[in-house]
Every structure is written in structure tokens, then in C-alpha cells.
Amino acid sequence: MKIRLALPEEAEQCWHIRNLSIRHGCTASYSDAVLDAWTPDAMPEHYREVITLNPFFVVEMPNNHLVATGFLELATARVEAIFTLPDYVGRGFASLIIEAIKREARQRGIKQLTLSSTPNAQTFYEKHGFTFIRESTSPSRLARTDLRCINMAIDLGK
């Protein structure tokens, strides 16, 4: 198993990981209708650009199978989209991703990271040093609704 930067041609595989992770992990936080709208099978083309423009990490198994993803959105210094395939949850792969993002941010001189977590992932981010700022809603074009989220931050200067 290794952690590395994703390649643009892996966008569809990363999108699939995203969708399965949301469908599996967010059932207690959002309705089935919201989950269905938020996780369309067809990948928006801008998703490939996200991989190209940002440090977008993947965990790759020895058989070249990707099992987890996540990225640092450089324009906003935000942690975005840490996802793990359901069969691989609890094995520390998301932790590898968040730590890689924090290292990358420090190397780029970023002093603080923020994120908007789904409610089910709040404790994961707290475990990695993020602190609660406030609960809010965030508009989602895919879900066609405002999604309940937990705004969090971490100071990387320490």
C-alpha cells in the first residue's frame, strides 16, 4: 500500500470511491433522495480539473486498486473530500490522506486549514486535531439542496 498523488486519468475511479463512501457513510446524516442526487454515476468533468490543479492524494493497494482519496484545495486552503471505499473503512487509510494533506499544506506555508465536514465525519477530523467552529449548511449543486455540515479548522503553525 502506498499514498501518492492521483493522475487525471484516475478521475473516474476517484469519483466512484467518493460516491460509494458518501452512500455508505452518510446515511444517518442525509435522506436517500439527497444521497441519490449528491452521488450521480456520471462524473462532472470539472472533477478531473480538481485532480490536476490541487494536491489530490490516493491510497493505492499493491494490485493498483485505489481505496481512499482526498485533496487540499489550494485556492482556499481547505481540506476537501476525504473518502474511503466502504470495505476499507477503519484501516487507517483516511488518516494517511489527512496527514499527507497537512504535510503538503505545511510545505506550502499554509498556517491554517479549514473544512466543512459531514456530521458523520466530525469525530474523525477531531481525532486529527481539527476543532469545531460552527454548524451550518452548505449549498450543493449536485444534491440540489443545502447540506448540513460542521465547519472546522486546525492551526498548522504549532
Foldseek 3Di string as FASTA:
>chain_A
DDKDQDALVCLLVQLVQLLQQCVPQCPVFDPPLLSPLQRDSDDDPCSSVQSVPWRKMFDADPVRRTFWIWTQDVVQRETDRTGGRPVCPPVCRSVVHVVVRLVVCVVVVNFKYKYWARPRCVVVVVVVAKDFDDWDWDDDPRSRGTGITTIIMHGSPD
